[in-house]
mmCIF file of all heavy atoms, coordinates in Angstrom:
data_MODEL
# 
_entry.id   MODEL 
# 
loop_
_atom_site.group_PDB 
_atom_site.id 
_atom_site.type_symbol 
_atom_site.label_atom_id 
_atom_site.label_alt_id 
_atom_site.label_comp_id 
_atom_site.label_asym_id 
_atom_site.label_entity_id 
_atom_site.label_seq_id 
_atom_site.pdbx_PDB_ins_code 
_atom_site.Cartn_x 
_atom_site.Cartn_y 
_atom_site.Cartn_z 
_atom_site.occupancy 
_atom_site.B_iso_or_equiv 
_atom_site.pdbx_formal_charge 
_atom_site.auth_seq_id 
_atom_site.auth_comp_id 
_atom_site.auth_asym_id 
_atom_site.auth_atom_id 
_atom_site.pdbx_PDB_model_num 
ATOM 1   N N   . GLY A 1 1  ? -5.683  -2.609  -0.582 1.00 0.00 ? 1  GLY A N   1 
ATOM 2   C CA  . GLY A 1 1  ? -5.544  -4.046  -0.720 1.00 0.00 ? 1  GLY A CA  1 
ATOM 3   C C   . GLY A 1 1  ? -4.434  -4.665  0.099  1.00 0.00 ? 1  GLY A C   1 
ATOM 4   O O   . GLY A 1 1  ? -4.351  -5.883  0.206  1.00 0.00 ? 1  GLY A O   1 
ATOM 5   N N   . TYR A 1 2  ? -3.579  -3.857  0.702  1.00 0.00 ? 2  TYR A N   1 
ATOM 6   C CA  . TYR A 1 2  ? -2.524  -4.398  1.536  1.00 0.00 ? 2  TYR A CA  1 
ATOM 7   C C   . TYR A 1 2  ? -3.102  -4.784  2.895  1.00 0.00 ? 2  TYR A C   1 
ATOM 8   O O   . TYR A 1 2  ? -3.792  -3.999  3.530  1.00 0.00 ? 2  TYR A O   1 
ATOM 9   C CB  . TYR A 1 2  ? -1.400  -3.376  1.739  1.00 0.00 ? 2  TYR A CB  1 
ATOM 10  C CG  . TYR A 1 2  ? -0.629  -3.088  0.483  1.00 0.00 ? 2  TYR A CG  1 
ATOM 11  C CD1 . TYR A 1 2  ? -1.010  -2.054  -0.358 1.00 0.00 ? 2  TYR A CD1 1 
ATOM 12  C CD2 . TYR A 1 2  ? 0.451   -3.865  0.123  1.00 0.00 ? 2  TYR A CD2 1 
ATOM 13  C CE1 . TYR A 1 2  ? -0.322  -1.793  -1.516 1.00 0.00 ? 2  TYR A CE1 1 
ATOM 14  C CE2 . TYR A 1 2  ? 1.155   -3.616  -1.042 1.00 0.00 ? 2  TYR A CE2 1 
ATOM 15  C CZ  . TYR A 1 2  ? 0.759   -2.570  -1.862 1.00 0.00 ? 2  TYR A CZ  1 
ATOM 16  O OH  . TYR A 1 2  ? 1.445   -2.314  -3.019 1.00 0.00 ? 2  TYR A OH  1 
ATOM 17  N N   . GLY A 1 3  ? -2.776  -6.006  3.317  1.00 0.00 ? 3  GLY A N   1 
ATOM 18  C CA  . GLY A 1 3  ? -3.252  -6.450  4.616  1.00 0.00 ? 3  GLY A CA  1 
ATOM 19  C C   . GLY A 1 3  ? -4.592  -7.124  4.564  1.00 0.00 ? 3  GLY A C   1 
ATOM 20  O O   . GLY A 1 3  ? -5.047  -7.689  5.549  1.00 0.00 ? 3  GLY A O   1 
ATOM 21  N N   . SER A 1 4  ? -5.261  -7.086  3.413  1.00 0.00 ? 4  SER A N   1 
ATOM 22  C CA  . SER A 1 4  ? -6.519  -7.790  3.251  1.00 0.00 ? 4  SER A CA  1 
ATOM 23  C C   . SER A 1 4  ? -6.222  -9.169  2.678  1.00 0.00 ? 4  SER A C   1 
ATOM 24  O O   . SER A 1 4  ? -5.078  -9.573  2.532  1.00 0.00 ? 4  SER A O   1 
ATOM 25  C CB  . SER A 1 4  ? -7.446  -7.011  2.309  1.00 0.00 ? 4  SER A CB  1 
ATOM 26  O OG  . SER A 1 4  ? -6.865  -6.955  1.026  1.00 0.00 ? 4  SER A OG  1 
ATOM 27  N N   . ASP A 1 5  ? -7.250  -9.905  2.329  1.00 0.00 ? 5  ASP A N   1 
ATOM 28  C CA  . ASP A 1 5  ? -7.041  -11.247 1.790  1.00 0.00 ? 5  ASP A CA  1 
ATOM 29  C C   . ASP A 1 5  ? -6.245  -11.217 0.502  1.00 0.00 ? 5  ASP A C   1 
ATOM 30  O O   . ASP A 1 5  ? -5.587  -12.177 0.132  1.00 0.00 ? 5  ASP A O   1 
ATOM 31  C CB  . ASP A 1 5  ? -8.393  -11.938 1.533  1.00 0.00 ? 5  ASP A CB  1 
ATOM 32  C CG  . ASP A 1 5  ? -9.112  -12.238 2.837  1.00 0.00 ? 5  ASP A CG  1 
ATOM 33  O OD1 . ASP A 1 5  ? -8.431  -12.285 3.878  1.00 0.00 ? 5  ASP A OD1 1 
ATOM 34  O OD2 . ASP A 1 5  ? -10.346 -12.412 2.795  1.00 0.00 ? 5  ASP A OD2 1 
ATOM 35  N N   . SER A 1 6  ? -6.319  -10.085 -0.213 1.00 0.00 ? 6  SER A N   1 
ATOM 36  C CA  . SER A 1 6  ? -5.593  -9.968  -1.484 1.00 0.00 ? 6  SER A CA  1 
ATOM 37  C C   . SER A 1 6  ? -4.321  -9.167  -1.312 1.00 0.00 ? 6  SER A C   1 
ATOM 38  O O   . SER A 1 6  ? -3.852  -8.528  -2.229 1.00 0.00 ? 6  SER A O   1 
ATOM 39  C CB  . SER A 1 6  ? -6.480  -9.273  -2.528 1.00 0.00 ? 6  SER A CB  1 
ATOM 40  O OG  . SER A 1 6  ? -6.836  -7.983  -2.079 1.00 0.00 ? 6  SER A OG  1 
ATOM 41  N N   . SER A 1 7  ? -3.760  -9.224  -0.106 1.00 0.00 ? 7  SER A N   1 
ATOM 42  C CA  . SER A 1 7  ? -2.730  -8.257  0.250  1.00 0.00 ? 7  SER A CA  1 
ATOM 43  C C   . SER A 1 7  ? -1.376  -8.560  -0.301 1.00 0.00 ? 7  SER A C   1 
ATOM 44  O O   . SER A 1 7  ? -1.204  -9.143  -1.339 1.00 0.00 ? 7  SER A O   1 
ATOM 45  C CB  . SER A 1 7  ? -2.659  -8.111  1.771  1.00 0.00 ? 7  SER A CB  1 
ATOM 46  O OG  . SER A 1 7  ? -2.009  -9.226  2.330  1.00 0.00 ? 7  SER A OG  1 
ATOM 47  N N   . ALA A 1 8  ? -0.379  -8.198  0.500  1.00 0.00 ? 8  ALA A N   1 
ATOM 48  C CA  . ALA A 1 8  ? 0.941   -7.923  -0.039 1.00 0.00 ? 8  ALA A CA  1 
ATOM 49  C C   . ALA A 1 8  ? 1.777   -9.131  -0.364 1.00 0.00 ? 8  ALA A C   1 
ATOM 50  O O   . ALA A 1 8  ? 2.884   -8.976  -0.818 1.00 0.00 ? 8  ALA A O   1 
ATOM 51  C CB  . ALA A 1 8  ? 1.694   -7.060  0.980  1.00 0.00 ? 8  ALA A CB  1 
ATOM 52  N N   . SER A 1 9  ? 1.317   -10.349 -0.122 1.00 0.00 ? 9  SER A N   1 
ATOM 53  C CA  . SER A 1 9  ? 2.198   -11.491 -0.276 1.00 0.00 ? 9  SER A CA  1 
ATOM 54  C C   . SER A 1 9  ? 2.793   -11.592 -1.664 1.00 0.00 ? 9  SER A C   1 
ATOM 55  O O   . SER A 1 9  ? 3.937   -11.975 -1.816 1.00 0.00 ? 9  SER A O   1 
ATOM 56  C CB  . SER A 1 9  ? 1.425   -12.778 0.039  1.00 0.00 ? 9  SER A CB  1 
ATOM 57  O OG  . SER A 1 9  ? 0.311   -12.904 -0.827 1.00 0.00 ? 9  SER A OG  1 
ATOM 58  N N   . GLY A 1 10 ? 2.036   -11.222 -2.676 1.00 0.00 ? 10 GLY A N   1 
ATOM 59  C CA  . GLY A 1 10 ? 2.565   -11.323 -4.035 1.00 0.00 ? 10 GLY A CA  1 
ATOM 60  C C   . GLY A 1 10 ? 2.886   -9.988  -4.641 1.00 0.00 ? 10 GLY A C   1 
ATOM 61  O O   . GLY A 1 10 ? 3.002   -9.882  -5.853 1.00 0.00 ? 10 GLY A O   1 
ATOM 62  N N   . ARG A 1 11 ? 3.058   -8.938  -3.820 1.00 0.00 ? 11 ARG A N   1 
ATOM 63  C CA  . ARG A 1 11 ? 3.196   -7.601  -4.388 1.00 0.00 ? 11 ARG A CA  1 
ATOM 64  C C   . ARG A 1 11 ? 4.531   -6.977  -4.015 1.00 0.00 ? 11 ARG A C   1 
ATOM 65  O O   . ARG A 1 11 ? 4.670   -5.777  -3.946 1.00 0.00 ? 11 ARG A O   1 
ATOM 66  C CB  . ARG A 1 11 ? 2.048   -6.725  -3.875 1.00 0.00 ? 11 ARG A CB  1 
ATOM 67  C CG  . ARG A 1 11 ? 0.706   -7.350  -4.139 1.00 0.00 ? 11 ARG A CG  1 
ATOM 68  C CD  . ARG A 1 11 ? -0.425  -6.498  -3.624 1.00 0.00 ? 11 ARG A CD  1 
ATOM 69  N NE  . ARG A 1 11 ? -0.564  -5.282  -4.416 1.00 0.00 ? 11 ARG A NE  1 
ATOM 70  C CZ  . ARG A 1 11 ? -1.631  -4.527  -4.367 1.00 0.00 ? 11 ARG A CZ  1 
ATOM 71  N NH1 . ARG A 1 11 ? -2.641  -4.834  -3.598 1.00 0.00 ? 11 ARG A NH1 1 
ATOM 72  N NH2 . ARG A 1 11 ? -1.689  -3.430  -5.091 1.00 0.00 ? 11 ARG A NH2 1 
ATOM 73  N N   . LYS A 1 12 ? 5.510   -7.800  -3.771 1.00 0.00 ? 12 LYS A N   1 
ATOM 74  C CA  . LYS A 1 12 ? 6.809   -7.306  -3.356 1.00 0.00 ? 12 LYS A CA  1 
ATOM 75  C C   . LYS A 1 12 ? 7.453   -6.444  -4.449 1.00 0.00 ? 12 LYS A C   1 
ATOM 76  O O   . LYS A 1 12 ? 7.430   -6.772  -5.614 1.00 0.00 ? 12 LYS A O   1 
ATOM 77  C CB  . LYS A 1 12 ? 7.714   -8.494  -3.027 1.00 0.00 ? 12 LYS A CB  1 
ATOM 78  C CG  . LYS A 1 12 ? 8.993   -8.135  -2.286 1.00 0.00 ? 12 LYS A CG  1 
ATOM 79  C CD  . LYS A 1 12 ? 9.668   -9.414  -1.834 1.00 0.00 ? 12 LYS A CD  1 
ATOM 80  C CE  . LYS A 1 12 ? 10.926  -9.109  -1.031 1.00 0.00 ? 12 LYS A CE  1 
ATOM 81  N NZ  . LYS A 1 12 ? 11.560  -10.335 -0.539 1.00 0.00 ? 12 LYS A NZ  1 
ATOM 82  N N   . ASN A 1 13 ? 8.035   -5.322  -3.984 1.00 0.00 ? 13 ASN A N   1 
ATOM 83  C CA  . ASN A 1 13 ? 8.755   -4.412  -4.895 1.00 0.00 ? 13 ASN A CA  1 
ATOM 84  C C   . ASN A 1 13 ? 7.869   -3.801  -5.970 1.00 0.00 ? 13 ASN A C   1 
ATOM 85  O O   . ASN A 1 13 ? 8.332   -3.459  -7.048 1.00 0.00 ? 13 ASN A O   1 
ATOM 86  C CB  . ASN A 1 13 ? 9.942   -5.123  -5.560 1.00 0.00 ? 13 ASN A CB  1 
ATOM 87  C CG  . ASN A 1 13 ? 11.043  -5.392  -4.572 1.00 0.00 ? 13 ASN A CG  1 
ATOM 88  O OD1 . ASN A 1 13 ? 11.243  -4.629  -3.633 1.00 0.00 ? 13 ASN A OD1 1 
ATOM 89  N ND2 . ASN A 1 13 ? 11.741  -6.487  -4.773 1.00 0.00 ? 13 ASN A ND2 1 
ATOM 90  N N   . GLU A 1 14 ? 6.572   -3.656  -5.696 1.00 0.00 ? 14 GLU A N   1 
ATOM 91  C CA  . GLU A 1 14 ? 5.706   -2.985  -6.660 1.00 0.00 ? 14 GLU A CA  1 
ATOM 92  C C   . GLU A 1 14 ? 5.896   -1.491  -6.555 1.00 0.00 ? 14 GLU A C   1 
ATOM 93  O O   . GLU A 1 14 ? 6.286   -0.961  -5.539 1.00 0.00 ? 14 GLU A O   1 
ATOM 94  C CB  . GLU A 1 14 ? 4.237   -3.344  -6.389 1.00 0.00 ? 14 GLU A CB  1 
ATOM 95  C CG  . GLU A 1 14 ? 3.915   -4.791  -6.736 1.00 0.00 ? 14 GLU A CG  1 
ATOM 96  C CD  . GLU A 1 14 ? 2.439   -5.073  -6.556 1.00 0.00 ? 14 GLU A CD  1 
ATOM 97  O OE1 . GLU A 1 14 ? 1.700   -4.123  -6.283 1.00 0.00 ? 14 GLU A OE1 1 
ATOM 98  O OE2 . GLU A 1 14 ? 2.043   -6.228  -6.694 1.00 0.00 ? 14 GLU A OE2 1 
ATOM 99  N N   . SER A 1 15 ? 5.537   -0.798  -7.629 1.00 0.00 ? 15 SER A N   1 
ATOM 100 C CA  . SER A 1 15 ? 5.644   0.652   -7.604 1.00 0.00 ? 15 SER A CA  1 
ATOM 101 C C   . SER A 1 15 ? 4.379   1.319   -7.124 1.00 0.00 ? 15 SER A C   1 
ATOM 102 O O   . SER A 1 15 ? 4.409   2.428   -6.632 1.00 0.00 ? 15 SER A O   1 
ATOM 103 C CB  . SER A 1 15 ? 5.993   1.167   -9.006 1.00 0.00 ? 15 SER A CB  1 
ATOM 104 O OG  . SER A 1 15 ? 4.989   0.789   -9.919 1.00 0.00 ? 15 SER A OG  1 
ATOM 105 N N   . ALA A 1 16 ? 3.233   0.660   -7.282 1.00 0.00 ? 16 ALA A N   1 
ATOM 106 C CA  . ALA A 1 16 ? 1.989   1.262   -6.829 1.00 0.00 ? 16 ALA A CA  1 
ATOM 107 C C   . ALA A 1 16 ? 1.912   1.206   -5.329 1.00 0.00 ? 16 ALA A C   1 
ATOM 108 O O   . ALA A 1 16 ? 2.366   0.279   -4.700 1.00 0.00 ? 16 ALA A O   1 
ATOM 109 C CB  . ALA A 1 16 ? 0.792   0.539   -7.434 1.00 0.00 ? 16 ALA A CB  1 
ATOM 110 N N   . ALA A 1 17 ? 1.290   2.227   -4.728 1.00 0.00 ? 17 ALA A N   1 
ATOM 111 C CA  . ALA A 1 17 ? 1.236   2.303   -3.276 1.00 0.00 ? 17 ALA A CA  1 
ATOM 112 C C   . ALA A 1 17 ? 0.012   3.063   -2.857 1.00 0.00 ? 17 ALA A C   1 
ATOM 113 O O   . ALA A 1 17 ? -0.638  3.709   -3.648 1.00 0.00 ? 17 ALA A O   1 
ATOM 114 C CB  . ALA A 1 17 ? 2.487   3.002   -2.757 1.00 0.00 ? 17 ALA A CB  1 
ATOM 115 N N   . PRO A 1 18 ? -0.317  3.016   -1.563 1.00 0.00 ? 18 PRO A N   1 
ATOM 116 C CA  . PRO A 1 18 ? -1.495  3.717   -1.105 1.00 0.00 ? 18 PRO A CA  1 
ATOM 117 C C   . PRO A 1 18 ? -1.369  5.219   -1.273 1.00 0.00 ? 18 PRO A C   1 
ATOM 118 O O   . PRO A 1 18 ? -0.315  5.780   -1.073 1.00 0.00 ? 18 PRO A O   1 
ATOM 119 C CB  . PRO A 1 18 ? -1.572  3.346   0.392  1.00 0.00 ? 18 PRO A CB  1 
ATOM 120 C CG  . PRO A 1 18 ? -0.706  2.155   0.537  1.00 0.00 ? 18 PRO A CG  1 
ATOM 121 C CD  . PRO A 1 18 ? 0.332   2.248   -0.521 1.00 0.00 ? 18 PRO A CD  1 
ATOM 122 N N   . SER A 1 19 ? -2.461  5.846   -1.618 1.00 0.00 ? 19 SER A N   1 
ATOM 123 C CA  . SER A 1 19 ? -2.518  7.300   -1.628 1.00 0.00 ? 19 SER A CA  1 
ATOM 124 C C   . SER A 1 19 ? -3.226  7.729   -0.363 1.00 0.00 ? 19 SER A C   1 
ATOM 125 O O   . SER A 1 19 ? -4.314  7.292   -0.082 1.00 0.00 ? 19 SER A O   1 
ATOM 126 C CB  . SER A 1 19 ? -3.295  7.796   -2.849 1.00 0.00 ? 19 SER A CB  1 
ATOM 127 O OG  . SER A 1 19 ? -3.400  9.182   -2.815 1.00 0.00 ? 19 SER A OG  1 
ATOM 128 N N   . SER A 1 20 ? -2.587  8.579   0.398  1.00 0.00 ? 20 SER A N   1 
ATOM 129 C CA  . SER A 1 20 ? -3.022  8.770   1.766  1.00 0.00 ? 20 SER A CA  1 
ATOM 130 C C   . SER A 1 20 ? -4.178  9.733   1.910  1.00 0.00 ? 20 SER A C   1 
ATOM 131 O O   . SER A 1 20 ? -4.236  10.758  1.294  1.00 0.00 ? 20 SER A O   1 
ATOM 132 C CB  . SER A 1 20 ? -1.859  9.297   2.593  1.00 0.00 ? 20 SER A CB  1 
ATOM 133 O OG  . SER A 1 20 ? -2.288  9.594   3.881  1.00 0.00 ? 20 SER A OG  1 
ATOM 134 N N   . GLY A 1 21 ? -5.090  9.379   2.814  1.00 0.00 ? 21 GLY A N   1 
ATOM 135 C CA  . GLY A 1 21 ? -6.082  10.324  3.266  1.00 0.00 ? 21 GLY A CA  1 
ATOM 136 C C   . GLY A 1 21 ? -5.782  10.713  4.687  1.00 0.00 ? 21 GLY A C   1 
ATOM 137 O O   . GLY A 1 21 ? -6.531  11.452  5.301  1.00 0.00 ? 21 GLY A O   1 
ATOM 138 N N   . ALA A 1 22 ? -4.698  10.182  5.248  1.00 0.00 ? 22 ALA A N   1 
ATOM 139 C CA  . ALA A 1 22 ? -4.312  10.474  6.616  1.00 0.00 ? 22 ALA A CA  1 
ATOM 140 C C   . ALA A 1 22 ? -3.042  11.301  6.610  1.00 0.00 ? 22 ALA A C   1 
ATOM 141 O O   . ALA A 1 22 ? -2.159  11.096  5.803  1.00 0.00 ? 22 ALA A O   1 
ATOM 142 C CB  . ALA A 1 22 ? -4.082  9.171   7.384  1.00 0.00 ? 22 ALA A CB  1 
ATOM 143 N N   . ILE A 1 23 ? -2.954  12.215  7.551  1.00 0.00 ? 23 ILE A N   1 
ATOM 144 C CA  . ILE A 1 23 ? -1.813  13.108  7.583  1.00 0.00 ? 23 ILE A CA  1 
ATOM 145 C C   . ILE A 1 23 ? -0.529  12.365  7.894  1.00 0.00 ? 23 ILE A C   1 
ATOM 146 O O   . ILE A 1 23 ? 0.525   12.693  7.401  1.00 0.00 ? 23 ILE A O   1 
ATOM 147 C CB  . ILE A 1 23 ? -2.057  14.222  8.621  1.00 0.00 ? 23 ILE A CB  1 
ATOM 148 C CG1 . ILE A 1 23 ? -3.261  15.045  8.200  1.00 0.00 ? 23 ILE A CG1 1 
ATOM 149 C CG2 . ILE A 1 23 ? -0.841  15.103  8.775  1.00 0.00 ? 23 ILE A CG2 1 
ATOM 150 C CD1 . ILE A 1 23 ? -3.181  15.602  6.817  1.00 0.00 ? 23 ILE A CD1 1 
ATOM 151 N N   . GLN A 1 24 ? -0.613  11.300  8.674  1.00 0.00 ? 24 GLN A N   1 
ATOM 152 C CA  . GLN A 1 24 ? 0.600   10.613  9.076  1.00 0.00 ? 24 GLN A CA  1 
ATOM 153 C C   . GLN A 1 24 ? 1.201   9.778   7.956  1.00 0.00 ? 24 GLN A C   1 
ATOM 154 O O   . GLN A 1 24 ? 2.368   9.430   8.017  1.00 0.00 ? 24 GLN A O   1 
ATOM 155 C CB  . GLN A 1 24 ? 0.303   9.701   10.282 1.00 0.00 ? 24 GLN A CB  1 
ATOM 156 C CG  . GLN A 1 24 ? -0.086  10.448  11.546 1.00 0.00 ? 24 GLN A CG  1 
ATOM 157 C CD  . GLN A 1 24 ? 1.054   11.257  12.112 1.00 0.00 ? 24 GLN A CD  1 
ATOM 158 O OE1 . GLN A 1 24 ? 2.221   10.957  11.885 1.00 0.00 ? 24 GLN A OE1 1 
ATOM 159 N NE2 . GLN A 1 24 ? 0.729   12.315  12.827 1.00 0.00 ? 24 GLN A NE2 1 
ATOM 160 N N   . LEU A 1 25 ? 0.408   9.411   6.986  1.00 0.00 ? 25 LEU A N   1 
ATOM 161 C CA  . LEU A 1 25 ? 0.895   8.521   5.940  1.00 0.00 ? 25 LEU A CA  1 
ATOM 162 C C   . LEU A 1 25 ? 0.983   9.276   4.630  1.00 0.00 ? 25 LEU A C   1 
ATOM 163 O O   . LEU A 1 25 ? -0.022  9.535   3.988  1.00 0.00 ? 25 LEU A O   1 
ATOM 164 C CB  . LEU A 1 25 ? -0.043  7.328   5.790  1.00 0.00 ? 25 LEU A CB  1 
ATOM 165 C CG  . LEU A 1 25 ? 0.412   6.233   4.825  1.00 0.00 ? 25 LEU A CG  1 
ATOM 166 C CD1 . LEU A 1 25 ? 1.718   5.628   5.284  1.00 0.00 ? 25 LEU A CD1 1 
ATOM 167 C CD2 . LEU A 1 25 ? -0.642  5.163   4.713  1.00 0.00 ? 25 LEU A CD2 1 
ATOM 168 N N   . LEU A 1 26 ? 2.177   9.642   4.237  1.00 0.00 ? 26 LEU A N   1 
ATOM 169 C CA  . LEU A 1 26 ? 2.355   10.433  3.025  1.00 0.00 ? 26 LEU A CA  1 
ATOM 170 C C   . LEU A 1 26 ? 3.419   9.776   2.154  1.00 0.00 ? 26 LEU A C   1 
ATOM 171 O O   . LEU A 1 26 ? 4.601   9.991   2.328  1.00 0.00 ? 26 LEU A O   1 
ATOM 172 C CB  . LEU A 1 26 ? 2.768   11.868  3.370  1.00 0.00 ? 26 LEU A CB  1 
ATOM 173 C CG  . LEU A 1 26 ? 1.698   12.700  4.076  1.00 0.00 ? 26 LEU A CG  1 
ATOM 174 C CD1 . LEU A 1 26 ? 2.284   13.996  4.573  1.00 0.00 ? 26 LEU A CD1 1 
ATOM 175 C CD2 . LEU A 1 26 ? 0.540   12.964  3.142  1.00 0.00 ? 26 LEU A CD2 1 
ATOM 176 N N   . PHE A 1 27 ? 2.978   8.941   1.238  1.00 0.00 ? 27 PHE A N   1 
ATOM 177 C CA  . PHE A 1 27 ? 3.901   8.252   0.349  1.00 0.00 ? 27 PHE A CA  1 
ATOM 178 C C   . PHE A 1 27 ? 4.171   9.102   -0.883 1.00 0.00 ? 27 PHE A C   1 
ATOM 179 O O   . PHE A 1 27 ? 3.349   9.878   -1.314 1.00 0.00 ? 27 PHE A O   1 
ATOM 180 C CB  . PHE A 1 27 ? 3.318   6.921   -0.121 1.00 0.00 ? 27 PHE A CB  1 
ATOM 181 C CG  . PHE A 1 27 ? 3.166   5.901   0.953  1.00 0.00 ? 27 PHE A CG  1 
ATOM 182 C CD1 . PHE A 1 27 ? 1.944   5.693   1.557  1.00 0.00 ? 27 PHE A CD1 1 
ATOM 183 C CD2 . PHE A 1 27 ? 4.247   5.143   1.357  1.00 0.00 ? 27 PHE A CD2 1 
ATOM 184 C CE1 . PHE A 1 27 ? 1.789   4.740   2.540  1.00 0.00 ? 27 PHE A CE1 1 
ATOM 185 C CE2 . PHE A 1 27 ? 4.106   4.188   2.346  1.00 0.00 ? 27 PHE A CE2 1 
ATOM 186 C CZ  . PHE A 1 27 ? 2.886   3.985   2.941  1.00 0.00 ? 27 PHE A CZ  1 
ATOM 187 N N   . ILE A 1 28 ? 5.339   8.859   -1.474 1.00 0.00 ? 28 ILE A N   1 
ATOM 188 C CA  . ILE A 1 28 ? 5.656   9.468   -2.770 1.00 0.00 ? 28 ILE A CA  1 
ATOM 189 C C   . ILE A 1 28 ? 6.075   8.380   -3.724 1.00 0.00 ? 28 ILE A C   1 
ATOM 190 O O   . ILE A 1 28 ? 6.881   7.544   -3.392 1.00 0.00 ? 28 ILE A O   1 
ATOM 191 C CB  . ILE A 1 28 ? 6.773   10.490  -2.644 1.00 0.00 ? 28 ILE A CB  1 
ATOM 192 C CG1 . ILE A 1 28 ? 6.161   11.820  -2.325 1.00 0.00 ? 28 ILE A CG1 1 
ATOM 193 C CG2 . ILE A 1 28 ? 7.604   10.578  -3.888 1.00 0.00 ? 28 ILE A CG2 1 
ATOM 194 C CD1 . ILE A 1 28 ? 7.083   12.957  -2.510 1.00 0.00 ? 28 ILE A CD1 1 
# 
């Protein structure tokens, strides 16, 4: 949902984040 029409404008400092399917993006 980040970067889409429902994206990050109102989601500052949230704890939920993308779970990666790509090797380069590995959030914890």
